[in-house]
Amino acid sequence: MQQAGIESKPQERTREGTAAGLDMDALVDAFRRRDPKAICASYLQLTKLRFRISELRRVRGILVFYMEDPDGNVWLITE
């Protein structure tokens, strides 16, 4: 998984609902496998941490999505 962001700092965070329960790899893997149930389960876990997918699209055949964390930081995630 590649991730780039405008300002992504979730690993530095220690309060409840941040890095401790963060599993972006599960979400990316679910998208790669095109497994709707796994996508839903992974995304629901992230929404508990107040993350949301702000945009999802294909760019030159590659799945690209943007996630926003509770602090407003945006993460670009690609396959």
N, C-alpha and C. Protein backbone atom coordinates (compact mmCIF):
# COMPACT_ATOMS: atom_id res chain seq x y z
N MET A 1 0.85 -1.18 0.00
CA MET A 1 0.00 0.00 0.00
C MET A 1 0.89 1.23 0.00
N GLN A 2 0.57 2.16 -0.85
CA GLN A 2 1.25 3.45 -0.85
C GLN A 2 0.31 4.44 -0.21
N GLN A 3 0.86 5.29 0.56
CA GLN A 3 0.02 6.36 1.06
C GLN A 3 0.79 7.65 1.04
N ALA A 4 0.11 8.68 0.64
CA ALA A 4 0.68 10.00 0.63
C ALA A 4 -0.41 10.92 1.11
N GLY A 5 -0.05 11.97 1.70
CA GLY A 5 -1.11 12.83 2.19
C GLY A 5 -0.65 14.27 2.28
N ILE A 6 -1.60 15.11 2.38
CA ILE A 6 -1.31 16.51 2.58
C ILE A 6 -0.61 16.66 3.92
N GLU A 7 -1.20 16.11 4.94
CA GLU A 7 -0.59 16.04 6.27
C GLU A 7 -1.15 14.80 6.92
N SER A 8 -0.42 13.72 6.91
CA SER A 8 -0.93 12.52 7.55
C SER A 8 -0.05 12.19 8.74
N LYS A 9 -0.63 12.22 9.92
CA LYS A 9 0.14 11.96 11.13
C LYS A 9 -0.56 11.02 12.09
N PRO A 10 -1.36 10.07 11.63
CA PRO A 10 -2.08 9.24 12.60
C PRO A 10 -1.17 8.38 13.47
N GLN A 11 0.01 7.99 12.99
CA GLN A 11 0.90 7.16 13.80
C GLN A 11 1.41 7.91 15.03
N GLU A 12 1.43 9.23 14.98
CA GLU A 12 1.91 10.02 16.11
C GLU A 12 0.86 10.18 17.19
N ARG A 13 -0.37 9.84 16.92
CA ARG A 13 -1.47 10.12 17.82
C ARG A 13 -1.60 9.00 18.85
N THR A 14 -2.01 9.36 20.05
CA THR A 14 -2.12 8.37 21.10
C THR A 14 -3.49 8.32 21.75
N ARG A 15 -4.32 9.31 21.56
CA ARG A 15 -5.61 9.29 22.23
C ARG A 15 -6.54 8.24 21.61
N GLU A 16 -7.60 7.92 22.31
CA GLU A 16 -8.54 6.89 21.87
C GLU A 16 -9.08 7.22 20.49
N GLY A 17 -9.25 6.17 19.65
CA GLY A 17 -9.85 6.34 18.35
C GLY A 17 -8.89 6.77 17.26
N THR A 18 -7.60 6.56 17.45
CA THR A 18 -6.69 6.92 16.39
C THR A 18 -5.82 5.73 16.04
N ALA A 19 -4.52 5.86 16.04
CA ALA A 19 -3.61 4.86 15.49
C ALA A 19 -3.80 3.46 16.06
N ALA A 20 -4.21 3.33 17.29
CA ALA A 20 -4.34 2.02 17.92
C ALA A 20 -5.25 1.09 17.15
N GLY A 21 -6.35 1.58 16.60
CA GLY A 21 -7.29 0.72 15.88
C GLY A 21 -7.25 0.89 14.38
N LEU A 22 -6.27 1.61 13.87
CA LEU A 22 -6.20 1.95 12.45
C LEU A 22 -5.66 0.77 11.64
N ASP A 23 -6.46 0.27 10.69
CA ASP A 23 -6.02 -0.84 9.83
C ASP A 23 -6.38 -0.53 8.39
N MET A 24 -5.60 0.35 7.78
CA MET A 24 -5.83 0.73 6.39
C MET A 24 -5.51 -0.41 5.45
N ASP A 25 -4.54 -1.26 5.84
CA ASP A 25 -4.17 -2.38 4.98
C ASP A 25 -5.35 -3.31 4.71
N ALA A 26 -6.18 -3.53 5.71
CA ALA A 26 -7.35 -4.39 5.52
C ALA A 26 -8.30 -3.80 4.49
N LEU A 27 -8.49 -2.50 4.52
CA LEU A 27 -9.37 -1.85 3.55
C LEU A 27 -8.79 -1.94 2.14
N VAL A 28 -7.52 -1.64 2.00
CA VAL A 28 -6.88 -1.69 0.68
C VAL A 28 -6.91 -3.12 0.14
N ASP A 29 -6.62 -4.09 0.99
CA ASP A 29 -6.66 -5.49 0.57
C ASP A 29 -8.06 -5.89 0.11
N ALA A 30 -9.06 -5.44 0.83
CA ALA A 30 -10.45 -5.74 0.46
C ALA A 30 -10.79 -5.17 -0.92
N PHE A 31 -10.32 -3.94 -1.19
CA PHE A 31 -10.54 -3.36 -2.52
C PHE A 31 -9.81 -4.15 -3.59
N ARG A 32 -8.59 -4.54 -3.31
CA ARG A 32 -7.82 -5.32 -4.30
C ARG A 32 -8.50 -6.64 -4.62
N ARG A 33 -9.06 -7.27 -3.60
CA ARG A 33 -9.75 -8.55 -3.81
C ARG A 33 -11.15 -8.37 -4.36
N ARG A 34 -11.61 -7.12 -4.41
CA ARG A 34 -12.97 -6.80 -4.85
C ARG A 34 -14.00 -7.58 -4.05
N ASP A 35 -13.79 -7.55 -2.74
CA ASP A 35 -14.63 -8.28 -1.79
C ASP A 35 -15.55 -7.29 -1.08
N PRO A 36 -16.80 -7.17 -1.53
CA PRO A 36 -17.70 -6.16 -0.96
C PRO A 36 -17.91 -6.30 0.55
N LYS A 37 -18.01 -7.52 1.05
CA LYS A 37 -18.22 -7.70 2.49
C LYS A 37 -17.00 -7.24 3.28
N ALA A 38 -15.81 -7.56 2.79
CA ALA A 38 -14.58 -7.13 3.47
C ALA A 38 -14.41 -5.61 3.38
N ILE A 39 -14.77 -5.02 2.25
CA ILE A 39 -14.71 -3.56 2.10
C ILE A 39 -15.61 -2.91 3.14
N CYS A 40 -16.82 -3.41 3.23
CA CYS A 40 -17.79 -2.85 4.18
C CYS A 40 -17.29 -3.00 5.62
N ALA A 41 -16.82 -4.19 5.98
CA ALA A 41 -16.34 -4.44 7.35
C ALA A 41 -15.15 -3.54 7.69
N SER A 42 -14.21 -3.41 6.77
CA SER A 42 -13.03 -2.58 7.01
C SER A 42 -13.40 -1.11 7.13
N TYR A 43 -14.28 -0.67 6.23
CA TYR A 43 -14.68 0.73 6.27
C TYR A 43 -15.46 1.04 7.53
N LEU A 44 -16.32 0.13 7.96
CA LEU A 44 -17.07 0.36 9.21
C LEU A 44 -16.13 0.49 10.40
N GLN A 45 -15.05 -0.29 10.42
CA GLN A 45 -14.06 -0.16 11.50
C GLN A 45 -13.43 1.24 11.47
N LEU A 46 -13.10 1.72 10.28
CA LEU A 46 -12.50 3.05 10.18
C LEU A 46 -13.48 4.15 10.54
N THR A 47 -14.76 3.97 10.23
CA THR A 47 -15.73 5.01 10.59
C THR A 47 -15.88 5.11 12.10
N LYS A 48 -15.63 4.03 12.82
CA LYS A 48 -15.66 4.10 14.29
C LYS A 48 -14.56 5.02 14.80
N LEU A 49 -13.49 5.15 14.01
CA LEU A 49 -12.39 6.05 14.36
C LEU A 49 -12.58 7.44 13.75
N ARG A 50 -13.76 7.63 13.12
CA ARG A 50 -14.14 8.90 12.50
C ARG A 50 -13.33 9.20 11.24
N PHE A 51 -12.92 8.16 10.52
CA PHE A 51 -12.32 8.31 9.20
C PHE A 51 -13.45 8.19 8.18
N ARG A 52 -13.29 8.85 7.04
CA ARG A 52 -14.28 8.70 5.99
C ARG A 52 -13.59 8.75 4.63
N ILE A 53 -14.17 8.03 3.68
CA ILE A 53 -13.69 8.11 2.31
C ILE A 53 -14.33 9.34 1.70
N SER A 54 -13.49 10.28 1.26
CA SER A 54 -14.04 11.51 0.70
C SER A 54 -14.16 11.45 -0.81
N GLU A 55 -13.40 10.54 -1.45
CA GLU A 55 -13.49 10.40 -2.90
C GLU A 55 -12.91 9.04 -3.29
N LEU A 56 -13.51 8.41 -4.30
CA LEU A 56 -13.07 7.11 -4.79
C LEU A 56 -13.18 7.15 -6.31
N ARG A 57 -12.09 6.77 -7.00
CA ARG A 57 -12.13 6.76 -8.47
C ARG A 57 -10.99 5.92 -9.04
N ARG A 58 -11.07 5.66 -10.33
CA ARG A 58 -10.00 4.97 -11.05
C ARG A 58 -9.25 6.01 -11.86
N VAL A 59 -7.93 5.97 -11.77
CA VAL A 59 -7.08 6.88 -12.53
C VAL A 59 -6.12 6.00 -13.33
N ARG A 60 -6.25 6.02 -14.64
CA ARG A 60 -5.44 5.19 -15.54
C ARG A 60 -5.45 3.73 -15.11
N GLY A 61 -6.61 3.23 -14.75
CA GLY A 61 -6.77 1.82 -14.39
C GLY A 61 -6.37 1.48 -12.96
N ILE A 62 -6.00 2.46 -12.17
CA ILE A 62 -5.58 2.23 -10.78
C ILE A 62 -6.64 2.80 -9.84
N LEU A 63 -7.01 2.02 -8.85
CA LEU A 63 -7.96 2.48 -7.86
C LEU A 63 -7.30 3.52 -6.96
N VAL A 64 -7.94 4.66 -6.83
CA VAL A 64 -7.44 5.76 -6.01
C VAL A 64 -8.57 6.21 -5.10
N PHE A 65 -8.26 6.32 -3.80
CA PHE A 65 -9.26 6.93 -2.94
C PHE A 65 -8.61 7.83 -1.92
N TYR A 66 -9.39 8.80 -1.50
CA TYR A 66 -8.95 9.79 -0.53
C TYR A 66 -9.71 9.54 0.76
N MET A 67 -8.98 9.48 1.85
CA MET A 67 -9.61 9.33 3.16
C MET A 67 -9.29 10.56 3.98
N GLU A 68 -10.23 10.93 4.80
CA GLU A 68 -10.04 12.08 5.68
C GLU A 68 -10.14 11.61 7.12
N ASP A 69 -9.14 11.98 7.93
CA ASP A 69 -9.16 11.59 9.34
C ASP A 69 -9.92 12.63 10.16
N PRO A 70 -10.12 12.36 11.44
CA PRO A 70 -10.91 13.29 12.28
C PRO A 70 -10.34 14.70 12.36
N ASP A 71 -9.04 14.86 12.12
CA ASP A 71 -8.42 16.18 12.19
C ASP A 71 -8.47 16.92 10.86
N GLY A 72 -9.04 16.28 9.83
CA GLY A 72 -9.12 16.91 8.53
C GLY A 72 -7.95 16.61 7.61
N ASN A 73 -7.01 15.79 8.05
CA ASN A 73 -5.89 15.40 7.20
C ASN A 73 -6.41 14.48 6.11
N VAL A 74 -5.92 14.65 4.87
CA VAL A 74 -6.38 13.85 3.75
C VAL A 74 -5.26 12.90 3.33
N TRP A 75 -5.62 11.63 3.14
CA TRP A 75 -4.68 10.59 2.73
C TRP A 75 -5.05 10.14 1.33
N LEU A 76 -4.11 10.09 0.43
CA LEU A 76 -4.31 9.52 -0.90
C LEU A 76 -3.83 8.08 -0.84
N ILE A 77 -4.70 7.15 -1.15
CA ILE A 77 -4.35 5.74 -1.08
C ILE A 77 -4.57 5.13 -2.46
N THR A 78 -3.56 4.41 -2.95
CA THR A 78 -3.64 3.76 -4.25
C THR A 78 -3.26 2.30 -4.11
N GLU A 79 -3.63 1.49 -5.14
CA GLU A 79 -3.24 0.10 -5.11
C GLU A 79 -1.77 -0.04 -5.38
